[in-house]
Amino acid sequence: GGTVEVGEATLQGRSYYGISVYTPDDASTVILNGTTIKS
């Protein structure tokens, strides 16, 4: 739920997912602008 906004950052690691949205009571907003994900 809520909003996550990421700019030109790098999300990096051996973790399962870079970004996960599960099953909350409210909708989620994810905004990525120039973001890099290496996972």
PDB file of all heavy atoms in Angstrom:
ATOM      1  N   GLY A   1       0.825  -1.204   0.000  1.00  0.00           N
ATOM      2  CA  GLY A   1       0.000   0.000   0.000  1.00  0.00           C
ATOM      3  C   GLY A   1       0.855   1.248   0.000  1.00  0.00           C
ATOM      4  O   GLY A   1       2.052   1.217   0.318  1.00  0.00           O
ATOM      5  N   GLY A   2       0.264   2.372  -0.398  1.00  0.00           N
ATOM      6  CA  GLY A   2       1.012   3.625  -0.451  1.00  0.00           C
ATOM      7  C   GLY A   2       1.781   3.769  -1.751  1.00  0.00           C
ATOM      8  O   GLY A   2       1.529   3.083  -2.738  1.00  0.00           O
ATOM      9  N   THR A   3       2.774   4.666  -1.736  1.00  0.00           N
ATOM     10  CA  THR A   3       3.512   5.008  -2.949  1.00  0.00           C
ATOM     11  C   THR A   3       5.009   4.877  -2.734  1.00  0.00           C
ATOM     12  O   THR A   3       5.538   5.310  -1.713  1.00  0.00           O
ATOM     13  CB  THR A   3       3.211   6.468  -3.366  1.00  0.00           C
ATOM     14  OG1 THR A   3       1.816   6.600  -3.636  1.00  0.00           O
ATOM     15  CG2 THR A   3       3.994   6.862  -4.611  1.00  0.00           C
ATOM     16  N   VAL A   4       5.677   4.260  -3.699  1.00  0.00           N
ATOM     17  CA  VAL A   4       7.135   4.193  -3.719  1.00  0.00           C
ATOM     18  C   VAL A   4       7.605   4.824  -5.023  1.00  0.00           C
ATOM     19  O   VAL A   4       7.146   4.437  -6.098  1.00  0.00           O
ATOM     20  CB  VAL A   4       7.658   2.750  -3.622  1.00  0.00           C
ATOM     21  CG1 VAL A   4       9.166   2.703  -3.873  1.00  0.00           C
ATOM     22  CG2 VAL A   4       7.342   2.163  -2.257  1.00  0.00           C
ATOM     23  N   GLU A   5       8.488   5.806  -4.914  1.00  0.00           N
ATOM     24  CA  GLU A   5       9.030   6.468  -6.101  1.00  0.00           C
ATOM     25  C   GLU A   5      10.553   6.422  -6.030  1.00  0.00           C
ATOM     26  O   GLU A   5      11.150   6.842  -5.046  1.00  0.00           O
ATOM     27  CB  GLU A   5       8.547   7.911  -6.188  1.00  0.00           C
ATOM     28  CG  GLU A   5       9.014   8.634  -7.436  1.00  0.00           C
ATOM     29  CD  GLU A   5       8.354   9.987  -7.627  1.00  0.00           C
ATOM     30  OE1 GLU A   5       7.475  10.348  -6.797  1.00  0.00           O
ATOM     31  OE2 GLU A   5       8.708  10.684  -8.592  1.00  0.00           O
ATOM     32  N   VAL A   6      11.173   5.884  -7.078  1.00  0.00           N
ATOM     33  CA  VAL A   6      12.627   5.737  -7.121  1.00  0.00           C
ATOM     34  C   VAL A   6      13.156   6.435  -8.363  1.00  0.00           C
ATOM     35  O   VAL A   6      12.630   6.242  -9.463  1.00  0.00           O
ATOM     36  CB  VAL A   6      13.048   4.249  -7.142  1.00  0.00           C
ATOM     37  CG1 VAL A   6      14.573   4.131  -7.096  1.00  0.00           C
ATOM     38  CG2 VAL A   6      12.421   3.491  -5.980  1.00  0.00           C
ATOM     39  N   GLY A   7      14.207   7.242  -8.184  1.00  0.00           N
ATOM     40  CA  GLY A   7      14.829   7.935  -9.298  1.00  0.00           C
ATOM     41  C   GLY A   7      15.951   7.104  -9.897  1.00  0.00           C
ATOM     42  O   GLY A   7      15.841   5.886 -10.020  1.00  0.00           O
ATOM     43  N   GLU A   8      17.055   7.746 -10.216  1.00  0.00           N
ATOM     44  CA  GLU A   8      18.147   7.085 -10.942  1.00  0.00           C
ATOM     45  C   GLU A   8      19.071   6.296 -10.007  1.00  0.00           C
ATOM     46  O   GLU A   8      20.295   6.342 -10.125  1.00  0.00           O
ATOM     47  CB  GLU A   8      18.934   8.119 -11.733  1.00  0.00           C
ATOM     48  CG  GLU A   8      18.102   8.794 -12.822  1.00  0.00           C
ATOM     49  CD  GLU A   8      18.891   9.817 -13.600  1.00  0.00           C
ATOM     50  OE1 GLU A   8      20.050  10.088 -13.232  1.00  0.00           O
ATOM     51  OE2 GLU A   8      18.344  10.358 -14.570  1.00  0.00           O
ATOM     52  N   ALA A   9      18.474   5.589  -9.093  1.00  0.00           N
ATOM     53  CA  ALA A   9      19.245   4.732  -8.190  1.00  0.00           C
ATOM     54  C   ALA A   9      19.373   3.338  -8.787  1.00  0.00           C
ATOM     55  O   ALA A   9      18.653   2.976  -9.723  1.00  0.00           O
ATOM     56  CB  ALA A   9      18.561   4.658  -6.830  1.00  0.00           C
ATOM     57  N   THR A  10      20.284   2.548  -8.232  1.00  0.00           N
ATOM     58  CA  THR A  10      20.455   1.154  -8.630  1.00  0.00           C
ATOM     59  C   THR A  10      20.051   0.259  -7.463  1.00  0.00           C
ATOM     60  O   THR A  10      20.552   0.418  -6.350  1.00  0.00           O
ATOM     61  CB  THR A  10      21.916   0.851  -9.018  1.00  0.00           C
ATOM     62  OG1 THR A  10      22.268   1.626 -10.161  1.00  0.00           O
ATOM     63  CG2 THR A  10      22.098  -0.619  -9.346  1.00  0.00           C
ATOM     64  N   LEU A  11      19.129  -0.659  -7.710  1.00  0.00           N
ATOM     65  CA  LEU A  11      18.734  -1.665  -6.724  1.00  0.00           C
ATOM     66  C   LEU A  11      19.490  -2.923  -7.090  1.00  0.00           C
ATOM     67  O   LEU A  11      19.262  -3.522  -8.144  1.00  0.00           O
ATOM     68  CB  LEU A  11      17.227  -1.908  -6.767  1.00  0.00           C
ATOM     69  CG  LEU A  11      16.323  -0.663  -6.680  1.00  0.00           C
ATOM     70  CD1 LEU A  11      14.857  -1.072  -6.669  1.00  0.00           C
ATOM     71  CD2 LEU A  11      16.661   0.187  -5.474  1.00  0.00           C
ATOM     72  N   GLN A  12      20.389  -3.347  -6.228  1.00  0.00           N
ATOM     73  CA  GLN A  12      21.331  -4.403  -6.601  1.00  0.00           C
ATOM     74  C   GLN A  12      21.498  -5.418  -5.489  1.00  0.00           C
ATOM     75  O   GLN A  12      21.566  -5.067  -4.323  1.00  0.00           O
ATOM     76  CB  GLN A  12      22.688  -3.791  -6.934  1.00  0.00           C
ATOM     77  CG  GLN A  12      23.747  -4.790  -7.370  1.00  0.00           C
ATOM     78  CD  GLN A  12      25.015  -4.108  -7.840  1.00  0.00           C
ATOM     79  OE1 GLN A  12      24.968  -3.093  -8.527  1.00  0.00           O
ATOM     80  NE2 GLN A  12      26.147  -4.649  -7.460  1.00  0.00           N
ATOM     81  N   GLY A  13      21.577  -6.682  -5.870  1.00  0.00           N
ATOM     82  CA  GLY A  13      21.845  -7.710  -4.872  1.00  0.00           C
ATOM     83  C   GLY A  13      21.384  -9.067  -5.323  1.00  0.00           C
ATOM     84  O   GLY A  13      20.775  -9.233  -6.371  1.00  0.00           O
ATOM     85  N   ARG A  14      21.643 -10.055  -4.473  1.00  0.00           N
ATOM     86  CA  ARG A  14      21.244 -11.405  -4.814  1.00  0.00           C
ATOM     87  C   ARG A  14      19.866 -11.699  -4.214  1.00  0.00           C
ATOM     88  O   ARG A  14      19.420 -12.843  -4.186  1.00  0.00           O
ATOM     89  CB  ARG A  14      22.286 -12.412  -4.306  1.00  0.00           C
ATOM     90  CG  ARG A  14      22.655 -12.237  -2.843  1.00  0.00           C
ATOM     91  CD  ARG A  14      21.910 -13.170  -1.942  1.00  0.00           C
ATOM     92  NE  ARG A  14      21.830 -12.621  -0.598  1.00  0.00           N
ATOM     93  CZ  ARG A  14      20.728 -12.085  -0.125  1.00  0.00           C
ATOM     94  NH1 ARG A  14      19.653 -11.984  -0.873  1.00  0.00           N
ATOM     95  NH2 ARG A  14      20.688 -11.607   1.096  1.00  0.00           N
ATOM     96  N   SER A  15      19.180 -10.683  -3.757  1.00  0.00           N
ATOM     97  CA  SER A  15      17.874 -10.907  -3.141  1.00  0.00           C
ATOM     98  C   SER A  15      16.868 -11.390  -4.186  1.00  0.00           C
ATOM     99  O   SER A  15      17.093 -11.280  -5.387  1.00  0.00           O
ATOM    100  CB  SER A  15      17.372  -9.617  -2.497  1.00  0.00           C
ATOM    101  OG  SER A  15      17.083  -8.664  -3.480  1.00  0.00           O
ATOM    102  N   TYR A  16      15.776 -11.920  -3.713  1.00  0.00           N
ATOM    103  CA  TYR A  16      14.793 -12.531  -4.600  1.00  0.00           C
ATOM    104  C   TYR A  16      14.238 -11.523  -5.600  1.00  0.00           C
ATOM    105  O   TYR A  16      14.374 -11.674  -6.812  1.00  0.00           O
ATOM    106  CB  TYR A  16      13.680 -13.133  -3.753  1.00  0.00           C
ATOM    107  CG  TYR A  16      12.912 -14.214  -4.450  1.00  0.00           C
ATOM    108  CD1 TYR A  16      13.572 -15.315  -4.988  1.00  0.00           C
ATOM    109  CD2 TYR A  16      11.541 -14.158  -4.562  1.00  0.00           C
ATOM    110  CE1 TYR A  16      12.869 -16.323  -5.617  1.00  0.00           C
ATOM    111  CE2 TYR A  16      10.825 -15.165  -5.192  1.00  0.00           C
ATOM    112  CZ  TYR A  16      11.494 -16.245  -5.725  1.00  0.00           C
ATOM    113  OH  TYR A  16      10.811 -17.234  -6.353  1.00  0.00           O
ATOM    114  N   TYR A  17      13.630 -10.453  -5.119  1.00  0.00           N
ATOM    115  CA  TYR A  17      13.066  -9.423  -5.995  1.00  0.00           C
ATOM    116  C   TYR A  17      13.635  -8.047  -5.654  1.00  0.00           C
ATOM    117  O   TYR A  17      13.913  -7.759  -4.492  1.00  0.00           O
ATOM    118  CB  TYR A  17      11.542  -9.372  -5.864  1.00  0.00           C
ATOM    119  CG  TYR A  17      10.833 -10.481  -6.603  1.00  0.00           C
ATOM    120  CD1 TYR A  17      10.396 -11.609  -5.924  1.00  0.00           C
ATOM    121  CD2 TYR A  17      10.629 -10.410  -7.980  1.00  0.00           C
ATOM    122  CE1 TYR A  17       9.758 -12.638  -6.598  1.00  0.00           C
ATOM    123  CE2 TYR A  17       9.999 -11.431  -8.655  1.00  0.00           C
ATOM    124  CZ  TYR A  17       9.561 -12.551  -7.961  1.00  0.00           C
ATOM    125  OH  TYR A  17       8.937 -13.568  -8.626  1.00  0.00           O
ATOM    126  N   GLY A  18      13.751  -7.203  -6.662  1.00  0.00           N
ATOM    127  CA  GLY A  18      14.122  -5.815  -6.421  1.00  0.00           C
ATOM    128  C   GLY A  18      12.993  -5.087  -5.711  1.00  0.00           C
ATOM    129  O   GLY A  18      13.194  -4.427  -4.694  1.00  0.00           O
ATOM    130  N   ILE A  19      11.765  -5.212  -6.254  1.00  0.00           N
ATOM    131  CA  ILE A  19      10.577  -4.591  -5.664  1.00  0.00           C
ATOM    132  C   ILE A  19       9.438  -5.597  -5.686  1.00  0.00           C
ATOM    133  O   ILE A  19       9.141  -6.182  -6.729  1.00  0.00           O
ATOM    134  CB  ILE A  19      10.158  -3.318  -6.427  1.00  0.00           C
ATOM    135  CG1 ILE A  19      11.285  -2.278  -6.391  1.00  0.00           C
ATOM    136  CG2 ILE A  19       8.867  -2.742  -5.849  1.00  0.00           C
ATOM    137  CD1 ILE A  19      10.974  -1.027  -7.200  1.00  0.00           C
ATOM    138  N   SER A  20       8.798  -5.805  -4.540  1.00  0.00           N
ATOM    139  CA  SER A  20       7.657  -6.716  -4.443  1.00  0.00           C
ATOM    140  C   SER A  20       6.446  -5.979  -3.911  1.00  0.00           C
ATOM    141  O   SER A  20       6.549  -5.226  -2.936  1.00  0.00           O
ATOM    142  CB  SER A  20       7.976  -7.896  -3.522  1.00  0.00           C
ATOM    143  OG  SER A  20       8.994  -8.701  -4.061  1.00  0.00           O
ATOM    144  N   VAL A  21       5.295  -6.223  -4.537  1.00  0.00           N
ATOM    145  CA  VAL A  21       4.024  -5.666  -4.064  1.00  0.00           C
ATOM    146  C   VAL A  21       3.143  -6.837  -3.664  1.00  0.00           C
ATOM    147  O   VAL A  21       2.816  -7.695  -4.490  1.00  0.00           O
ATOM    148  CB  VAL A  21       3.341  -4.807  -5.148  1.00  0.00           C
ATOM    149  CG1 VAL A  21       1.999  -4.289  -4.641  1.00  0.00           C
ATOM    150  CG2 VAL A  21       4.244  -3.643  -5.550  1.00  0.00           C
ATOM    151  N   TYR A  22       2.771  -6.872  -2.392  1.00  0.00           N
ATOM    152  CA  TYR A  22       2.028  -8.009  -1.868  1.00  0.00           C
ATOM    153  C   TYR A  22       0.517  -7.742  -1.863  1.00  0.00           C
ATOM    154  O   TYR A  22      -0.004  -7.196  -2.813  1.00  0.00           O
ATOM    155  CB  TYR A  22       2.572  -8.361  -0.487  1.00  0.00           C
ATOM    156  CG  TYR A  22       3.978  -8.919  -0.570  1.00  0.00           C
ATOM    157  CD1 TYR A  22       5.096  -8.129  -0.254  1.00  0.00           C
ATOM    158  CD2 TYR A  22       4.201 -10.215  -1.012  1.00  0.00           C
ATOM    159  CE1 TYR A  22       6.387  -8.645  -0.356  1.00  0.00           C
ATOM    160  CE2 TYR A  22       5.481 -10.738  -1.119  1.00  0.00           C
ATOM    161  CZ  TYR A  22       6.566  -9.953  -0.790  1.00  0.00           C
ATOM    162  OH  TYR A  22       7.840 -10.450  -0.905  1.00  0.00           O
ATOM    163  N   THR A  23      -0.189  -8.133  -0.821  1.00  0.00           N
ATOM    164  CA  THR A  23      -1.654  -8.057  -0.829  1.00  0.00           C
ATOM    165  C   THR A  23      -2.160  -7.191   0.320  1.00  0.00           C
ATOM    166  O   THR A  23      -2.732  -7.697   1.291  1.00  0.00           O
ATOM    167  CB  THR A  23      -2.267  -9.467  -0.727  1.00  0.00           C
ATOM    168  OG1 THR A  23      -1.689 -10.136   0.412  1.00  0.00           O
ATOM    169  CG2 THR A  23      -1.972 -10.269  -1.971  1.00  0.00           C
ATOM    170  N   PRO A  24      -1.974  -5.883   0.253  1.00  0.00           N
ATOM    171  CA  PRO A  24      -2.411  -4.992   1.331  1.00  0.00           C
ATOM    172  C   PRO A  24      -3.898  -4.670   1.220  1.00  0.00           C
ATOM    173  O   PRO A  24      -4.590  -5.121   0.305  1.00  0.00           O
ATOM    174  CB  PRO A  24      -1.570  -3.735   1.079  1.00  0.00           C
ATOM    175  CG  PRO A  24      -1.430  -3.714  -0.414  1.00  0.00           C
ATOM    176  CD  PRO A  24      -1.327  -5.156  -0.844  1.00  0.00           C
ATOM    177  N   ASP A  25      -4.385  -3.869   2.165  1.00  0.00           N
ATOM    178  CA  ASP A  25      -5.777  -3.436   2.142  1.00  0.00           C
ATOM    179  C   ASP A  25      -6.003  -2.311   1.136  1.00  0.00           C
ATOM    180  O   ASP A  25      -7.140  -2.059   0.740  1.00  0.00           O
ATOM    181  CB  ASP A  25      -6.206  -2.953   3.530  1.00  0.00           C
ATOM    182  CG  ASP A  25      -6.229  -4.080   4.550  1.00  0.00           C
ATOM    183  OD1 ASP A  25      -6.461  -5.238   4.140  1.00  0.00           O
ATOM    184  OD2 ASP A  25      -5.994  -3.805   5.735  1.00  0.00           O
ATOM    185  N   ASP A  26      -4.939  -1.623   0.744  1.00  0.00           N
ATOM    186  CA  ASP A  26      -5.061  -0.496  -0.173  1.00  0.00           C
ATOM    187  C   ASP A  26      -4.146  -0.691  -1.375  1.00  0.00           C
ATOM    188  O   ASP A  26      -3.165  -1.430  -1.322  1.00  0.00           O
ATOM    189  CB  ASP A  26      -4.696   0.814   0.539  1.00  0.00           C
ATOM    190  CG  ASP A  26      -5.640   1.107   1.692  1.00  0.00           C
ATOM    191  OD1 ASP A  26      -6.784   1.506   1.428  1.00  0.00           O
ATOM    192  OD2 ASP A  26      -5.231   0.914   2.854  1.00  0.00           O
ATOM    193  N   ALA A  27      -4.453   0.022  -2.455  1.00  0.00           N
ATOM    194  CA  ALA A  27      -3.668  -0.078  -3.672  1.00  0.00           C
ATOM    195  C   ALA A  27      -2.265   0.498  -3.468  1.00  0.00           C
ATOM    196  O   ALA A  27      -2.039   1.347  -2.619  1.00  0.00           O
ATOM    197  CB  ALA A  27      -4.371   0.667  -4.810  1.00  0.00           C
ATOM    198  N   SER A  28      -1.342   0.016  -4.279  1.00  0.00           N
ATOM    199  CA  SER A  28       0.040   0.495  -4.239  1.00  0.00           C
ATOM    200  C   SER A  28       0.367   1.211  -5.548  1.00  0.00           C
ATOM    201  O   SER A  28      -0.114   0.834  -6.615  1.00  0.00           O
ATOM    202  CB  SER A  28       1.012  -0.671  -4.054  1.00  0.00           C
ATOM    203  OG  SER A  28       0.762  -1.358  -2.847  1.00  0.00           O
ATOM    204  N   THR A  29       1.219   2.230  -5.429  1.00  0.00           N
ATOM    205  CA  THR A  29       1.719   2.933  -6.604  1.00  0.00           C
ATOM    206  C   THR A  29       3.237   2.846  -6.603  1.00  0.00           C
ATOM    207  O   THR A  29       3.879   3.173  -5.606  1.00  0.00           O
ATOM    208  CB  THR A  29       1.290   4.415  -6.595  1.00  0.00           C
ATOM    209  OG1 THR A  29      -0.137   4.484  -6.648  1.00  0.00           O
ATOM    210  CG2 THR A  29       1.868   5.162  -7.794  1.00  0.00           C
ATOM    211  N   VAL A  30       3.803   2.388  -7.715  1.00  0.00           N
ATOM    212  CA  VAL A  30       5.252   2.287  -7.864  1.00  0.00           C
ATOM    213  C   VAL A  30       5.667   3.094  -9.078  1.00  0.00           C
ATOM    214  O   VAL A  30       5.187   2.848 -10.191  1.00  0.00           O
ATOM    215  CB  VAL A  30       5.710   0.824  -8.015  1.00  0.00           C
ATOM    216  CG1 VAL A  30       7.219   0.761  -8.262  1.00  0.00           C
ATOM    217  CG2 VAL A  30       5.339   0.012  -6.778  1.00  0.00           C
ATOM    218  N   ILE A  31       6.539   4.080  -8.866  1.00  0.00           N
ATOM    219  CA  ILE A  31       7.013   4.945  -9.947  1.00  0.00           C
ATOM    220  C   ILE A  31       8.527   4.833 -10.022  1.00  0.00           C
ATOM    221  O   ILE A  31       9.231   5.121  -9.047  1.00  0.00           O
ATOM    222  CB  ILE A  31       6.607   6.409  -9.701  1.00  0.00           C
ATOM    223  CG1 ILE A  31       5.084   6.526  -9.548  1.00  0.00           C
ATOM    224  CG2 ILE A  31       7.098   7.305 -10.840  1.00  0.00           C
ATOM    225  CD1 ILE A  31       4.625   7.875  -9.040  1.00  0.00           C
ATOM    226  N   LEU A  32       9.027   4.416 -11.168  1.00  0.00           N
ATOM    227  CA  LEU A  32      10.471   4.275 -11.372  1.00  0.00           C
ATOM    228  C   LEU A  32      10.884   5.168 -12.544  1.00  0.00           C
ATOM    229  O   LEU A  32      10.361   5.021 -13.649  1.00  0.00           O
ATOM    230  CB  LEU A  32      10.846   2.818 -11.668  1.00  0.00           C
ATOM    231  CG  LEU A  32      10.381   1.760 -10.660  1.00  0.00           C
ATOM    232  CD1 LEU A  32      10.823   0.375 -11.107  1.00  0.00           C
ATOM    233  CD2 LEU A  32      10.895   2.068  -9.260  1.00  0.00           C
ATOM    234  N   ASN A  33      11.824   6.071 -12.282  1.00  0.00           N
ATOM    235  CA  ASN A  33      12.292   7.002 -13.310  1.00  0.00           C
ATOM    236  C   ASN A  33      13.799   6.851 -13.486  1.00  0.00           C
ATOM    237  O   ASN A  33      14.576   7.325 -12.657  1.00  0.00           O
ATOM    238  CB  ASN A  33      11.953   8.447 -12.927  1.00  0.00           C
ATOM    239  CG  ASN A  33      10.468   8.723 -12.977  1.00  0.00           C
ATOM    240  OD1 ASN A  33       9.808   8.442 -13.969  1.00  0.00           O
ATOM    241  ND2 ASN A  33       9.916   9.272 -11.901  1.00  0.00           N
ATOM    242  N   GLY A  34      14.214   6.159 -14.549  1.00  0.00           N
ATOM    243  CA  GLY A  34      15.639   5.968 -14.789  1.00  0.00           C
ATOM    244  C   GLY A  34      16.292   5.006 -13.825  1.00  0.00           C
ATOM    245  O   GLY A  34      17.518   4.976 -13.688  1.00  0.00           O
ATOM    246  N   THR A  35      15.514   4.190 -13.154  1.00  0.00           N
ATOM    247  CA  THR A  35      16.018   3.250 -12.148  1.00  0.00           C
ATOM    248  C   THR A  35      16.665   2.032 -12.817  1.00  0.00           C
ATOM    249  O   THR A  35      16.244   1.610 -13.893  1.00  0.00           O
ATOM    250  CB  THR A  35      14.863   2.776 -11.253  1.00  0.00           C
ATOM    251  OG1 THR A  35      14.137   3.914 -10.779  1.00  0.00           O
ATOM    252  CG2 THR A  35      15.364   1.970 -10.073  1.00  0.00           C
ATOM    253  N   THR A  36      17.686   1.474 -12.159  1.00  0.00           N
ATOM    254  CA  THR A  36      18.307   0.228 -12.614  1.00  0.00           C
ATOM    255  C   THR A  36      18.111  -0.841 -11.544  1.00  0.00           C
ATOM    256  O   THR A  36      18.339  -0.585 -10.363  1.00  0.00           O
ATOM    257  CB  THR A  36      19.814   0.418 -12.862  1.00  0.00           C
ATOM    258  OG1 THR A  36      19.999   1.370 -13.923  1.00  0.00           O
ATOM    259  CG2 THR A  36      20.475  -0.895 -13.254  1.00  0.00           C
ATOM    260  N   ILE A  37      17.661  -2.028 -11.960  1.00  0.00           N
ATOM    261  CA  ILE A  37      17.507  -3.152 -11.043  1.00  0.00           C
ATOM    262  C   ILE A  37      18.383  -4.295 -11.529  1.00  0.00           C
ATOM    263  O   ILE A  37      18.246  -4.765 -12.664  1.00  0.00           O
ATOM    264  CB  ILE A  37      16.046  -3.617 -10.940  1.00  0.00           C
ATOM    265  CG1 ILE A  37      15.161  -2.483 -10.401  1.00  0.00           C
ATOM    266  CG2 ILE A  37      15.932  -4.851 -10.043  1.00  0.00           C
ATOM    267  CD1 ILE A  37      13.689  -2.837 -10.323  1.00  0.00           C
ATOM    268  N   LYS A  38      19.299  -4.734 -10.651  1.00  0.00           N
ATOM    269  CA  LYS A  38      20.153  -5.890 -10.929  1.00  0.00           C
ATOM    270  C   LYS A  38      20.003  -6.844  -9.761  1.00  0.00           C
ATOM    271  O   LYS A  38      20.632  -6.686  -8.724  1.00  0.00           O
ATOM    272  CB  LYS A  38      21.602  -5.463 -11.098  1.00  0.00           C
ATOM    273  CG  LYS A  38      21.852  -4.554 -12.296  1.00  0.00           C
ATOM    274  CD  LYS A  38      23.318  -4.172 -12.411  1.00  0.00           C
ATOM    275  CE  LYS A  38      23.577  -3.294 -13.621  1.00  0.00           C
ATOM    276  NZ  LYS A  38      25.015  -2.933 -13.732  1.00  0.00           N
ATOM    277  N   SER A  39      19.141  -7.833  -9.935  1.00  0.00           N
ATOM    278  CA  SER A  39      18.836  -8.754  -8.843  1.00  0.00           C
ATOM    279  C   SER A  39      18.468 -10.099  -9.452  1.00  0.00           C
ATOM    280  O   SER A  39      18.529 -10.270 -10.672  1.00  0.00           O
ATOM    281  CB  SER A  39      17.690  -8.185  -8.007  1.00  0.00           C
ATOM    282  OG  SER A  39      17.480  -8.935  -6.837  1.00  0.00           O
TER     283      SER A  39
END
